Amino acid sequence: MKSLILYLNNRLKPLPIRFWHILSITIICWLAMPYLFGAFGTIVGFVDFGMLHVILLAFCCWLLAVVSSYLLFRLLLLRMGMPDINEMIHHLKILDLWEQHLIYLACYALLLCSAIGALIAIC
């Protein structure tokens, strides 16, 4: 009975989302997109079904670019003998709240610009 209670308590733990989970979801969306939007029929007017595939392809390219740059950054930090990323991020928590907010806003702007750049490059 004790193991059943432990199983019921631990089975609702959130799992970390990995790159492969996101990639599999985008592939499923890629394959299911014509059937999903074809079910609407004439109710909804779309410019072109192919544009949705282009946007999804741009998202996949952007995701691949972000993950590969992160892995390359980690590899370079490891080769150069720099501290781990978690230790470097720990130093950001020492900053004031407005400084943290400014850094987060700058990182968000860079990610948004890279996503727009990936969409422009695909289109």
PDB file of N, CA and C in Angstrom:
ATOM      1  N   MET A   1       0.825  -1.194   0.000  1.00  0.00           N
ATOM      2  CA  MET A   1       0.000   0.000   0.000  1.00  0.00           C
ATOM      3  C   MET A   1       0.867   1.255   0.000  1.00  0.00           C
ATOM      4  N   LYS A   2       1.999   1.167   0.711  1.00  0.00           N
ATOM      5  CA  LYS A   2       2.879   2.322   0.781  1.00  0.00           C
ATOM      6  C   LYS A   2       3.454   2.668  -0.591  1.00  0.00           C
ATOM      7  N   SER A   3       3.796   1.655  -1.377  1.00  0.00           N
ATOM      8  CA  SER A   3       4.340   1.914  -2.707  1.00  0.00           C
ATOM      9  C   SER A   3       3.278   2.512  -3.636  1.00  0.00           C
ATOM     10  N   LEU A   4       2.025   2.109  -3.488  1.00  0.00           N
ATOM     11  CA  LEU A   4       0.950   2.675  -4.287  1.00  0.00           C
ATOM     12  C   LEU A   4       0.770   4.159  -3.978  1.00  0.00           C
ATOM     13  N   ILE A   5       0.852   4.516  -2.711  1.00  0.00           N
ATOM     14  CA  ILE A   5       0.715   5.923  -2.323  1.00  0.00           C
ATOM     15  C   ILE A   5       1.898   6.721  -2.854  1.00  0.00           C
ATOM     16  N   LEU A   6       3.103   6.177  -2.788  1.00  0.00           N
ATOM     17  CA  LEU A   6       4.265   6.866  -3.343  1.00  0.00           C
ATOM     18  C   LEU A   6       4.142   7.038  -4.854  1.00  0.00           C
ATOM     19  N   TYR A   7       3.616   6.006  -5.538  1.00  0.00           N
ATOM     20  CA  TYR A   7       3.433   6.110  -6.981  1.00  0.00           C
ATOM     21  C   TYR A   7       2.415   7.187  -7.337  1.00  0.00           C
ATOM     22  N   LEU A   8       1.324   7.238  -6.605  1.00  0.00           N
ATOM     23  CA  LEU A   8       0.304   8.241  -6.892  1.00  0.00           C
ATOM     24  C   LEU A   8       0.800   9.654  -6.602  1.00  0.00           C
ATOM     25  N   ASN A   9       1.643   9.801  -5.610  1.00  0.00           N
ATOM     26  CA  ASN A   9       2.182  11.126  -5.301  1.00  0.00           C
ATOM     27  C   ASN A   9       3.250  11.549  -6.303  1.00  0.00           C
ATOM     28  N   ASN A  10       4.036  10.618  -6.824  1.00  0.00           N
ATOM     29  CA  ASN A  10       5.157  10.956  -7.703  1.00  0.00           C
ATOM     30  C   ASN A  10       4.798  10.949  -9.183  1.00  0.00           C
ATOM     31  N   ARG A  11       3.664  10.412  -9.556  1.00  0.00           N
ATOM     32  CA  ARG A  11       3.374  10.316 -10.986  1.00  0.00           C
ATOM     33  C   ARG A  11       2.975  11.643 -11.596  1.00  0.00           C
ATOM     34  N   LEU A  12       2.628  12.616 -10.799  1.00  0.00           N
ATOM     35  CA  LEU A  12       2.216  13.909 -11.329  1.00  0.00           C
ATOM     36  C   LEU A  12       3.364  14.908 -11.353  1.00  0.00           C
ATOM     37  N   LYS A  13       4.594  14.424 -11.238  1.00  0.00           N
ATOM     38  CA  LYS A  13       5.747  15.310 -11.325  1.00  0.00           C
ATOM     39  C   LYS A  13       5.871  15.854 -12.741  1.00  0.00           C
ATOM     40  N   PRO A  14       6.136  17.136 -12.871  1.00  0.00           N
ATOM     41  CA  PRO A  14       6.325  17.669 -14.229  1.00  0.00           C
ATOM     42  C   PRO A  14       7.653  17.207 -14.811  1.00  0.00           C
ATOM     43  N   LEU A  15       7.625  16.828 -16.071  1.00  0.00           N
ATOM     44  CA  LEU A  15       8.836  16.412 -16.759  1.00  0.00           C
ATOM     45  C   LEU A  15       9.436  17.610 -17.481  1.00  0.00           C
ATOM     46  N   PRO A  16      10.753  17.693 -17.541  1.00  0.00           N
ATOM     47  CA  PRO A  16      11.355  18.806 -18.287  1.00  0.00           C
ATOM     48  C   PRO A  16      11.131  18.634 -19.781  1.00  0.00           C
ATOM     49  N   ILE A  17      10.837  19.738 -20.441  1.00  0.00           N
ATOM     50  CA  ILE A  17      10.626  19.702 -21.883  1.00  0.00           C
ATOM     51  C   ILE A  17      11.991  19.752 -22.558  1.00  0.00           C
ATOM     52  N   ARG A  18      12.257  18.793 -23.390  1.00  0.00           N
ATOM     53  CA  ARG A  18      13.535  18.713 -24.066  1.00  0.00           C
ATOM     54  C   ARG A  18      13.351  19.087 -25.537  1.00  0.00           C
ATOM     55  N   PHE A  19      14.488  19.226 -26.207  1.00  0.00           N
ATOM     56  CA  PHE A  19      14.484  19.604 -27.614  1.00  0.00           C
ATOM     57  C   PHE A  19      13.715  18.584 -28.446  1.00  0.00           C
ATOM     58  N   TRP A  20      13.860  17.315 -28.133  1.00  0.00           N
ATOM     59  CA  TRP A  20      13.222  16.266 -28.932  1.00  0.00           C
ATOM     60  C   TRP A  20      11.706  16.285 -28.771  1.00  0.00           C
ATOM     61  N   HIS A  21      11.220  16.705 -27.616  1.00  0.00           N
ATOM     62  CA  HIS A  21       9.776  16.826 -27.436  1.00  0.00           C
ATOM     63  C   HIS A  21       9.215  17.916 -28.348  1.00  0.00           C
ATOM     64  N   ILE A  22       9.886  19.047 -28.379  1.00  0.00           N
ATOM     65  CA  ILE A  22       9.424  20.159 -29.216  1.00  0.00           C
ATOM     66  C   ILE A  22       9.525  19.789 -30.692  1.00  0.00           C
ATOM     67  N   LEU A  23      10.614  19.110 -31.062  1.00  0.00           N
ATOM     68  CA  LEU A  23      10.775  18.702 -32.456  1.00  0.00           C
ATOM     69  C   LEU A  23       9.695  17.711 -32.878  1.00  0.00           C
ATOM     70  N   SER A  24       9.364  16.769 -32.021  1.00  0.00           N
ATOM     71  CA  SER A  24       8.320  15.807 -32.379  1.00  0.00           C
ATOM     72  C   SER A  24       6.952  16.481 -32.480  1.00  0.00           C
ATOM     73  N   ILE A  25       6.685  17.457 -31.629  1.00  0.00           N
ATOM     74  CA  ILE A  25       5.411  18.183 -31.709  1.00  0.00           C
ATOM     75  C   ILE A  25       5.326  18.973 -33.009  1.00  0.00           C
ATOM     76  N   THR A  26       6.431  19.602 -33.419  1.00  0.00           N
ATOM     77  CA  THR A  26       6.403  20.358 -34.675  1.00  0.00           C
ATOM     78  C   THR A  26       6.248  19.433 -35.878  1.00  0.00           C
ATOM     79  N   ILE A  27       6.838  18.243 -35.833  1.00  0.00           N
ATOM     80  CA  ILE A  27       6.658  17.294 -36.940  1.00  0.00           C
ATOM     81  C   ILE A  27       5.219  16.817 -37.001  1.00  0.00           C
ATOM     82  N   ILE A  28       4.619  16.563 -35.850  1.00  0.00           N
ATOM     83  CA  ILE A  28       3.204  16.151 -35.829  1.00  0.00           C
ATOM     84  C   ILE A  28       2.323  17.278 -36.351  1.00  0.00           C
ATOM     85  N   CYS A  29       2.629  18.519 -35.955  1.00  0.00           N
ATOM     86  CA  CYS A  29       1.861  19.662 -36.476  1.00  0.00           C
ATOM     87  C   CYS A  29       2.038  19.803 -37.980  1.00  0.00           C
ATOM     88  N   TRP A  30       3.246  19.550 -38.466  1.00  0.00           N
ATOM     89  CA  TRP A  30       3.534  19.637 -39.900  1.00  0.00           C
ATOM     90  C   TRP A  30       2.664  18.646 -40.678  1.00  0.00           C
ATOM     91  N   LEU A  31       2.554  17.434 -40.148  1.00  0.00           N
ATOM     92  CA  LEU A  31       1.787  16.408 -40.849  1.00  0.00           C
ATOM     93  C   LEU A  31       0.281  16.589 -40.696  1.00  0.00           C
ATOM     94  N   ALA A  32      -0.146  17.118 -39.567  1.00  0.00           N
ATOM     95  CA  ALA A  32      -1.580  17.231 -39.302  1.00  0.00           C
ATOM     96  C   ALA A  32      -2.187  18.555 -39.766  1.00  0.00           C
ATOM     97  N   MET A  33      -1.367  19.506 -40.146  1.00  0.00           N
ATOM     98  CA  MET A  33      -1.873  20.834 -40.489  1.00  0.00           C
ATOM     99  C   MET A  33      -2.874  20.840 -41.647  1.00  0.00           C
ATOM    100  N   PRO A  34      -2.637  20.142 -42.758  1.00  0.00           N
ATOM    101  CA  PRO A  34      -3.639  20.176 -43.826  1.00  0.00           C
ATOM    102  C   PRO A  34      -4.982  19.573 -43.410  1.00  0.00           C
ATOM    103  N   TYR A  35      -4.948  18.548 -42.574  1.00  0.00           N
ATOM    104  CA  TYR A  35      -6.193  17.917 -42.142  1.00  0.00           C
ATOM    105  C   TYR A  35      -6.950  18.797 -41.154  1.00  0.00           C
ATOM    106  N   LEU A  36      -6.201  19.491 -40.280  1.00  0.00           N
ATOM    107  CA  LEU A  36      -6.857  20.355 -39.306  1.00  0.00           C
ATOM    108  C   LEU A  36      -7.533  21.548 -39.975  1.00  0.00           C
ATOM    109  N   PHE A  37      -6.824  22.193 -40.883  1.00  0.00           N
ATOM    110  CA  PHE A  37      -7.401  23.366 -41.535  1.00  0.00           C
ATOM    111  C   PHE A  37      -8.341  22.986 -42.674  1.00  0.00           C
ATOM    112  N   GLY A  38      -8.225  21.787 -43.191  1.00  0.00           N
ATOM    113  CA  GLY A  38      -9.167  21.316 -44.199  1.00  0.00           C
ATOM    114  C   GLY A  38     -10.522  20.990 -43.603  1.00  0.00           C
ATOM    115  N   ALA A  39     -10.547  20.714 -42.290  1.00  0.00           N
ATOM    116  CA  ALA A  39     -11.808  20.407 -41.617  1.00  0.00           C
ATOM    117  C   ALA A  39     -12.692  21.642 -41.511  1.00  0.00           C
ATOM    118  N   PHE A  40     -12.096  22.834 -41.509  1.00  0.00           N
ATOM    119  CA  PHE A  40     -12.895  24.050 -41.440  1.00  0.00           C
ATOM    120  C   PHE A  40     -13.659  24.302 -42.732  1.00  0.00           C
ATOM    121  N   GLY A  41     -13.124  23.808 -43.831  1.00  0.00           N
ATOM    122  CA  GLY A  41     -13.790  23.947 -45.116  1.00  0.00           C
ATOM    123  C   GLY A  41     -13.853  25.391 -45.566  1.00  0.00           C
ATOM    124  N   THR A  42     -15.038  25.834 -45.889  1.00  0.00           N
ATOM    125  CA  THR A  42     -15.209  27.204 -46.376  1.00  0.00           C
ATOM    126  C   THR A  42     -15.568  28.176 -45.262  1.00  0.00           C
ATOM    127  N   ILE A  43     -15.569  27.697 -44.036  1.00  0.00           N
ATOM    128  CA  ILE A  43     -15.930  28.577 -42.924  1.00  0.00           C
ATOM    129  C   ILE A  43     -14.851  29.652 -42.724  1.00  0.00           C
ATOM    130  N   VAL A  44     -13.608  29.227 -42.833  1.00  0.00           N
ATOM    131  CA  VAL A  44     -12.488  30.142 -42.593  1.00  0.00           C
ATOM    132  C   VAL A  44     -11.744  30.324 -43.905  1.00  0.00           C
ATOM    133  N   GLY A  45     -11.441  31.554 -44.236  1.00  0.00           N
ATOM    134  CA  GLY A  45     -10.681  31.815 -45.453  1.00  0.00           C
ATOM    135  C   GLY A  45      -9.200  31.971 -45.151  1.00  0.00           C
ATOM    136  N   PHE A  46      -8.386  31.162 -45.780  1.00  0.00           N
ATOM    137  CA  PHE A  46      -6.939  31.250 -45.628  1.00  0.00           C
ATOM    138  C   PHE A  46      -6.332  31.762 -46.919  1.00  0.00           C
ATOM    139  N   VAL A  47      -5.219  32.461 -46.786  1.00  0.00           N
ATOM    140  CA  VAL A  47      -4.529  32.933 -47.967  1.00  0.00           C
ATOM    141  C   VAL A  47      -3.953  31.745 -48.726  1.00  0.00           C
ATOM    142  N   ASP A  48      -3.187  30.930 -48.021  1.00  0.00           N
ATOM    143  CA  ASP A  48      -2.577  29.760 -48.637  1.00  0.00           C
ATOM    144  C   ASP A  48      -2.181  28.801 -47.528  1.00  0.00           C
ATOM    145  N   PHE A  49      -2.458  27.526 -47.735  1.00  0.00           N
ATOM    146  CA  PHE A  49      -2.061  26.538 -46.735  1.00  0.00           C
ATOM    147  C   PHE A  49      -0.544  26.396 -46.662  1.00  0.00           C
ATOM    148  N   GLY A  50       0.129  26.681 -47.754  1.00  0.00           N
ATOM    149  CA  GLY A  50       1.579  26.553 -47.780  1.00  0.00           C
ATOM    150  C   GLY A  50       2.281  27.559 -46.879  1.00  0.00           C
ATOM    151  N   MET A  51       1.660  28.709 -46.645  1.00  0.00           N
ATOM    152  CA  MET A  51       2.273  29.711 -45.773  1.00  0.00           C
ATOM    153  C   MET A  51       2.394  29.213 -44.346  1.00  0.00           C
ATOM    154  N   LEU A  52       1.437  28.434 -43.900  1.00  0.00           N
ATOM    155  CA  LEU A  52       1.517  27.883 -42.551  1.00  0.00           C
ATOM    156  C   LEU A  52       2.674  26.900 -42.437  1.00  0.00           C
ATOM    157  N   HIS A  53       2.920  26.143 -43.498  1.00  0.00           N
ATOM    158  CA  HIS A  53       4.075  25.249 -43.494  1.00  0.00           C
ATOM    159  C   HIS A  53       5.381  26.034 -43.491  1.00  0.00           C
ATOM    160  N   VAL A  54       5.403  27.163 -44.185  1.00  0.00           N
ATOM    161  CA  VAL A  54       6.610  27.989 -44.210  1.00  0.00           C
ATOM    162  C   VAL A  54       6.884  28.567 -42.821  1.00  0.00           C
ATOM    163  N   ILE A  55       5.856  29.005 -42.141  1.00  0.00           N
ATOM    164  CA  ILE A  55       6.029  29.539 -40.787  1.00  0.00           C
ATOM    165  C   ILE A  55       6.509  28.451 -39.842  1.00  0.00           C
ATOM    166  N   LEU A  56       5.969  27.255 -39.956  1.00  0.00           N
ATOM    167  CA  LEU A  56       6.410  26.142 -39.118  1.00  0.00           C
ATOM    168  C   LEU A  56       7.845  25.740 -39.443  1.00  0.00           C
ATOM    169  N   LEU A  57       8.214  25.786 -40.714  1.00  0.00           N
ATOM    170  CA  LEU A  57       9.594  25.493 -41.109  1.00  0.00           C
ATOM    171  C   LEU A  57      10.541  26.547 -40.552  1.00  0.00           C
ATOM    172  N   ALA A  58      10.143  27.801 -40.551  1.00  0.00           N
ATOM    173  CA  ALA A  58      10.971  28.857 -39.962  1.00  0.00           C
ATOM    174  C   ALA A  58      11.134  28.648 -38.464  1.00  0.00           C
ATOM    175  N   PHE A  59      10.069  28.204 -37.795  1.00  0.00           N
ATOM    176  CA  PHE A  59      10.169  27.917 -36.363  1.00  0.00           C
ATOM    177  C   PHE A  59      11.144  26.775 -36.103  1.00  0.00           C
ATOM    178  N   CYS A  60      11.101  25.743 -36.934  1.00  0.00           N
ATOM    179  CA  CYS A  60      12.022  24.613 -36.775  1.00  0.00           C
ATOM    180  C   CYS A  60      13.465  25.052 -36.990  1.00  0.00           C
ATOM    181  N   CYS A  61      13.704  25.871 -37.986  1.00  0.00           N
ATOM    182  CA  CYS A  61      15.069  26.376 -38.242  1.00  0.00           C
ATOM    183  C   CYS A  61      15.545  27.254 -37.100  1.00  0.00           C
ATOM    184  N   TRP A  62      14.667  28.083 -36.574  1.00  0.00           N
ATOM    185  CA  TRP A  62      15.036  28.944 -35.452  1.00  0.00           C
ATOM    186  C   TRP A  62      15.354  28.109 -34.221  1.00  0.00           C
ATOM    187  N   LEU A  63      14.536  27.100 -33.956  1.00  0.00           N
ATOM    188  CA  LEU A  63      14.770  26.239 -32.805  1.00  0.00           C
ATOM    189  C   LEU A  63      16.095  25.505 -32.941  1.00  0.00           C
ATOM    190  N   LEU A  64      16.390  25.024 -34.135  1.00  0.00           N
ATOM    191  CA  LEU A  64      17.653  24.349 -34.372  1.00  0.00           C
ATOM    192  C   LEU A  64      18.834  25.303 -34.189  1.00  0.00           C
ATOM    193  N   ALA A  65      18.697  26.537 -34.638  1.00  0.00           N
ATOM    194  CA  ALA A  65      19.772  27.517 -34.483  1.00  0.00           C
ATOM    195  C   ALA A  65      20.006  27.869 -33.016  1.00  0.00           C
ATOM    196  N   VAL A  66      18.941  28.025 -32.246  1.00  0.00           N
ATOM    197  CA  VAL A  66      19.080  28.361 -30.829  1.00  0.00           C
ATOM    198  C   VAL A  66      19.726  27.211 -30.065  1.00  0.00           C
ATOM    199  N   VAL A  67      19.288  25.983 -30.317  1.00  0.00           N
ATOM    200  CA  VAL A  67      19.843  24.836 -29.609  1.00  0.00           C
ATOM    201  C   VAL A  67      21.301  24.612 -29.996  1.00  0.00           C
ATOM    202  N   SER A  68      21.621  24.735 -31.269  1.00  0.00           N
ATOM    203  CA  SER A  68      23.009  24.515 -31.681  1.00  0.00           C
ATOM    204  C   SER A  68      23.931  25.606 -31.137  1.00  0.00           C
ATOM    205  N   SER A  69      23.459  26.855 -31.071  1.00  0.00           N
ATOM    206  CA  SER A  69      24.305  27.906 -30.499  1.00  0.00           C
ATOM    207  C   SER A  69      24.490  27.703 -29.001  1.00  0.00           C
ATOM    208  N   TYR A  70      23.472  27.203 -28.306  1.00  0.00           N
ATOM    209  CA  TYR A  70      23.601  26.913 -26.879  1.00  0.00           C
ATOM    210  C   TYR A  70      24.615  25.790 -26.645  1.00  0.00           C
ATOM    211  N   LEU A  71      24.516  24.730 -27.442  1.00  0.00           N
ATOM    212  CA  LEU A  71      25.458  23.623 -27.277  1.00  0.00           C
ATOM    213  C   LEU A  71      26.881  24.038 -27.635  1.00  0.00           C
ATOM    214  N   LEU A  72      27.034  24.856 -28.652  1.00  0.00           N
ATOM    215  CA  LEU A  72      28.360  25.359 -29.016  1.00  0.00           C
ATOM    216  C   LEU A  72      28.920  26.262 -27.918  1.00  0.00           C
ATOM    217  N   PHE A  73      28.075  27.079 -27.312  1.00  0.00           N
ATOM    218  CA  PHE A  73      28.499  27.933 -26.214  1.00  0.00           C
ATOM    219  C   PHE A  73      28.969  27.109 -25.023  1.00  0.00           C
ATOM    220  N   ARG A  74      28.211  26.067 -24.692  1.00  0.00           N
ATOM    221  CA  ARG A  74      28.617  25.193 -23.584  1.00  0.00           C
ATOM    222  C   ARG A  74      29.927  24.491 -23.884  1.00  0.00           C
ATOM    223  N   LEU A  75      30.116  24.040 -25.125  1.00  0.00           N
ATOM    224  CA  LEU A  75      31.353  23.373 -25.501  1.00  0.00           C
ATOM    225  C   LEU A  75      32.546  24.324 -25.404  1.00  0.00           C
ATOM    226  N   LEU A  76      32.358  25.549 -25.861  1.00  0.00           N
ATOM    227  CA  LEU A  76      33.445  26.517 -25.780  1.00  0.00           C
ATOM    228  C   LEU A  76      33.771  26.894 -24.338  1.00  0.00           C
ATOM    229  N   LEU A  77      32.761  27.000 -23.492  1.00  0.00           N
ATOM    230  CA  LEU A  77      33.022  27.272 -22.080  1.00  0.00           C
ATOM    231  C   LEU A  77      33.786  26.129 -21.437  1.00  0.00           C
ATOM    232  N   LEU A  78      33.448  24.913 -21.797  1.00  0.00           N
ATOM    233  CA  LEU A  78      34.122  23.747 -21.237  1.00  0.00           C
ATOM    234  C   LEU A  78      35.569  23.683 -21.705  1.00  0.00           C
ATOM    235  N   ARG A  79      35.809  23.971 -22.964  1.00  0.00           N
ATOM    236  CA  ARG A  79      37.174  23.924 -23.514  1.00  0.00           C
ATOM    237  C   ARG A  79      38.060  25.025 -22.940  1.00  0.00           C
ATOM    238  N   MET A  80      37.478  26.185 -22.674  1.00  0.00           N
ATOM    239  CA  MET A  80      38.271  27.311 -22.193  1.00  0.00           C
ATOM    240  C   MET A  80      38.493  27.261 -20.688  1.00  0.00           C
ATOM    241  N   GLY A  81      37.831  26.342 -19.997  1.00  0.00           N
ATOM    242  CA  GLY A  81      38.001  26.241 -18.553  1.00  0.00           C
ATOM    243  C   GLY A  81      37.199  27.257 -17.769  1.00  0.00           C
ATOM    244  N   MET A  82      36.174  27.811 -18.385  1.00  0.00           N
ATOM    245  CA  MET A  82      35.319  28.783 -17.714  1.00  0.00           C
ATOM    246  C   MET A  82      34.374  28.058 -16.762  1.00  0.00           C
ATOM    247  N   PRO A  83      33.763  28.787 -15.830  1.00  0.00           N
ATOM    248  CA  PRO A  83      32.810  28.137 -14.918  1.00  0.00           C
ATOM    249  C   PRO A  83      31.551  27.691 -15.649  1.00  0.00           C
ATOM    250  N   ASP A  84      30.779  26.867 -14.999  1.00  0.00           N
ATOM    251  CA  ASP A  84      29.548  26.326 -15.574  1.00  0.00           C
ATOM    252  C   ASP A  84      28.529  27.448 -15.778  1.00  0.00           C
ATOM    253  N   ILE A  85      27.573  27.202 -16.665  1.00  0.00           N
ATOM    254  CA  ILE A  85      26.549  28.211 -16.964  1.00  0.00           C
ATOM    255  C   ILE A  85      25.703  28.519 -15.731  1.00  0.00           C
ATOM    256  N   ASN A  86      25.398  27.494 -14.928  1.00  0.00           N
ATOM    257  CA  ASN A  86      24.596  27.728 -13.724  1.00  0.00           C
ATOM    258  C   ASN A  86      25.314  28.660 -12.750  1.00  0.00           C
ATOM    259  N   GLU A  87      26.628  28.526 -12.657  1.00  0.00           N
ATOM    260  CA  GLU A  87      27.392  29.418 -11.783  1.00  0.00           C
ATOM    261  C   GLU A  87      27.413  30.838 -12.330  1.00  0.00           C
ATOM    262  N   MET A  88      27.469  30.971 -13.645  1.00  0.00           N
ATOM    263  CA  MET A  88      27.458  32.306 -14.238  1.00  0.00           C
ATOM    264  C   MET A  88      26.096  32.972 -14.076  1.00  0.00           C
ATOM    265  N   ILE A  89      25.038  32.191 -14.165  1.00  0.00           N
ATOM    266  CA  ILE A  89      23.695  32.739 -13.986  1.00  0.00           C
ATOM    267  C   ILE A  89      23.452  33.103 -12.533  1.00  0.00           C
ATOM    268  N   HIS A  90      24.090  32.371 -11.630  1.00  0.00           N
ATOM    269  CA  HIS A  90      23.943  32.676 -10.201  1.00  0.00           C
ATOM    270  C   HIS A  90      24.414  34.095  -9.902  1.00  0.00           C
ATOM    271  N   HIS A  91      25.417  34.571 -10.620  1.00  0.00           N
ATOM    272  CA  HIS A  91      25.897  35.929 -10.407  1.00  0.00           C
ATOM    273  C   HIS A  91      24.889  36.965 -10.886  1.00  0.00           C
ATOM    274  N   LEU A  92      24.001  36.594 -11.796  1.00  0.00           N
ATOM    275  CA  LEU A  92      22.966  37.535 -12.240  1.00  0.00           C
ATOM    276  C   LEU A  92      21.939  37.795 -11.148  1.00  0.00           C
ATOM    277  N   LYS A  93      21.749  36.838 -10.251  1.00  0.00           N
ATOM    278  CA  LYS A  93      20.761  37.007  -9.195  1.00  0.00           C
ATOM    279  C   LYS A  93      21.224  37.988  -8.128  1.00  0.00           C
ATOM    280  N   ILE A  94      22.504  38.324  -8.145  1.00  0.00           N
ATOM    281  CA  ILE A  94      23.025  39.299  -7.196  1.00  0.00           C
ATOM    282  C   ILE A  94      22.636  40.721  -7.612  1.00  0.00           C
ATOM    283  N   LEU A  95      22.367  40.918  -8.889  1.00  0.00           N
ATOM    284  CA  LEU A  95      22.028  42.239  -9.403  1.00  0.00           C
ATOM    285  C   LEU A  95      20.708  42.734  -8.839  1.00  0.00           C
ATOM    286  N   ASP A  96      20.489  44.035  -8.971  1.00  0.00           N
ATOM    287  CA  ASP A  96      19.211  44.613  -8.551  1.00  0.00           C
ATOM    288  C   ASP A  96      18.099  44.114  -9.473  1.00  0.00           C
ATOM    289  N   LEU A  97      16.866  44.348  -9.044  1.00  0.00           N
ATOM    290  CA  LEU A  97      15.723  43.854  -9.802  1.00  0.00           C
ATOM    291  C   LEU A  97      15.618  44.527 -11.161  1.00  0.00           C
ATOM    292  N   TRP A  98      15.853  45.826 -11.233  1.00  0.00           N
ATOM    293  CA  TRP A  98      15.738  46.520 -12.515  1.00  0.00           C
ATOM    294  C   TRP A  98      16.837  46.086 -13.469  1.00  0.00           C
ATOM    295  N   GLU A  99      18.018  45.745 -12.956  1.00  0.00           N
ATOM    296  CA  GLU A  99      19.100  45.262 -13.815  1.00  0.00           C
ATOM    297  C   GLU A  99      18.784  43.872 -14.367  1.00  0.00           C
ATOM    298  N   GLN A 100      18.215  43.017 -13.521  1.00  0.00           N
ATOM    299  CA  GLN A 100      17.784  41.691 -13.991  1.00  0.00           C
ATOM    300  C   GLN A 100      16.719  41.832 -15.066  1.00  0.00           C
ATOM    301  N   HIS A 101      15.772  42.724 -14.833  1.00  0.00           N
ATOM    302  CA  HIS A 101      14.696  42.940 -15.795  1.00  0.00           C
ATOM    303  C   HIS A 101      15.250  43.438 -17.127  1.00  0.00           C
ATOM    304  N   LEU A 102      16.227  44.320 -17.086  1.00  0.00           N
ATOM    305  CA  LEU A 102      16.835  44.846 -18.300  1.00  0.00           C
ATOM    306  C   LEU A 102      17.580  43.759 -19.077  1.00  0.00           C
ATOM    307  N   ILE A 103      18.271  42.883 -18.373  1.00  0.00           N
ATOM    308  CA  ILE A 103      18.979  41.785 -19.038  1.00  0.00           C
ATOM    309  C   ILE A 103      17.987  40.803 -19.644  1.00  0.00           C
ATOM    310  N   TYR A 104      16.926  40.470 -18.908  1.00  0.00           N
ATOM    311  CA  TYR A 104      15.910  39.565 -19.450  1.00  0.00           C
ATOM    312  C   TYR A 104      15.223  40.169 -20.671  1.00  0.00           C
ATOM    313  N   LEU A 105      14.963  41.464 -20.637  1.00  0.00           N
ATOM    314  CA  LEU A 105      14.338  42.132 -21.765  1.00  0.00           C
ATOM    315  C   LEU A 105      15.257  42.134 -22.983  1.00  0.00           C
ATOM    316  N   ALA A 106      16.552  42.342 -22.772  1.00  0.00           N
ATOM    317  CA  ALA A 106      17.505  42.315 -23.878  1.00  0.00           C
ATOM    318  C   ALA A 106      17.611  40.909 -24.473  1.00  0.00           C
ATOM    319  N   CYS A 107      17.615  39.888 -23.623  1.00  0.00           N
ATOM    320  CA  CYS A 107      17.661  38.507 -24.130  1.00  0.00           C
ATOM    321  C   CYS A 107      16.398  38.168 -24.918  1.00  0.00           C
ATOM    322  N   TYR A 108      15.244  38.632 -24.419  1.00  0.00           N
ATOM    323  CA  TYR A 108      13.996  38.393 -25.145  1.00  0.00           C
ATOM    324  C   TYR A 108      14.011  39.087 -26.500  1.00  0.00           C
ATOM    325  N   ALA A 109      14.531  40.309 -26.537  1.00  0.00           N
ATOM    326  CA  ALA A 109      14.590  41.042 -27.804  1.00  0.00           C
ATOM    327  C   ALA A 109      15.519  40.340 -28.798  1.00  0.00           C
ATOM    328  N   LEU A 110      16.634  39.807 -28.317  1.00  0.00           N
ATOM    329  CA  LEU A 110      17.537  39.076 -29.208  1.00  0.00           C
ATOM    330  C   LEU A 110      16.896  37.795 -29.737  1.00  0.00           C
ATOM    331  N   LEU A 111      16.173  37.078 -28.883  1.00  0.00           N
ATOM    332  CA  LEU A 111      15.481  35.873 -29.351  1.00  0.00           C
ATOM    333  C   LEU A 111      14.388  36.213 -30.361  1.00  0.00           C
ATOM    334  N   LEU A 112      13.666  37.299 -30.110  1.00  0.00           N
ATOM    335  CA  LEU A 112      12.614  37.708 -31.038  1.00  0.00           C
ATOM    336  C   LEU A 112      13.196  38.125 -32.382  1.00  0.00           C
ATOM    337  N   CYS A 113      14.304  38.858 -32.344  1.00  0.00           N
ATOM    338  CA  CYS A 113      14.949  39.266 -33.600  1.00  0.00           C
ATOM    339  C   CYS A 113      15.492  38.068 -34.360  1.00  0.00           C
ATOM    340  N   SER A 114      16.012  37.079 -33.642  1.00  0.00           N
ATOM    341  CA  SER A 114      16.510  35.892 -34.346  1.00  0.00           C
ATOM    342  C   SER A 114      15.356  35.085 -34.944  1.00  0.00           C
ATOM    343  N   ALA A 115      14.218  35.046 -34.275  1.00  0.00           N
ATOM    344  CA  ALA A 115      13.066  34.337 -34.834  1.00  0.00           C
ATOM    345  C   ALA A 115      12.541  35.052 -36.086  1.00  0.00           C
ATOM    346  N   ILE A 116      12.494  36.369 -36.045  1.00  0.00           N
ATOM    347  CA  ILE A 116      12.055  37.127 -37.216  1.00  0.00           C
ATOM    348  C   ILE A 116      13.055  36.955 -38.357  1.00  0.00           C
ATOM    349  N   GLY A 117      14.347  36.923 -38.027  1.00  0.00           N
ATOM    350  CA  GLY A 117      15.365  36.692 -39.047  1.00  0.00           C
ATOM    351  C   GLY A 117      15.245  35.328 -39.678  1.00  0.00           C
ATOM    352  N   ALA A 118      14.911  34.309 -38.881  1.00  0.00           N
ATOM    353  CA  ALA A 118      14.714  32.961 -39.444  1.00  0.00           C
ATOM    354  C   ALA A 118      13.486  32.940 -40.360  1.00  0.00           C
ATOM    355  N   LEU A 119      12.433  33.633 -39.978  1.00  0.00           N
ATOM    356  CA  LEU A 119      11.240  33.682 -40.821  1.00  0.00           C
ATOM    357  C   LEU A 119      11.514  34.416 -42.112  1.00  0.00           C
ATOM    358  N   ILE A 120      12.277  35.493 -42.047  1.00  0.00           N
ATOM    359  CA  ILE A 120      12.619  36.237 -43.275  1.00  0.00           C
ATOM    360  C   ILE A 120      13.511  35.404 -44.173  1.00  0.00           C
ATOM    361  N   ALA A 121      14.443  34.663 -43.574  1.00  0.00           N
ATOM    362  CA  ALA A 121      15.360  33.852 -44.382  1.00  0.00           C
ATOM    363  C   ALA A 121      14.622  32.727 -45.096  1.00  0.00           C
ATOM    364  N   ILE A 122      13.609  32.156 -44.463  1.00  0.00           N
ATOM    365  CA  ILE A 122      12.847  31.070 -45.098  1.00  0.00           C
ATOM    366  C   ILE A 122      11.924  31.631 -46.172  1.00  0.00           C
ATOM    367  N   CYS A 123      11.282  32.749 -45.905  1.00  0.00           N
ATOM    368  CA  CYS A 123      10.351  33.321 -46.882  1.00  0.00           C
ATOM    369  C   CYS A 123      11.148  33.944 -48.006  1.00  0.00           C
TER     370      CYS A 123
END
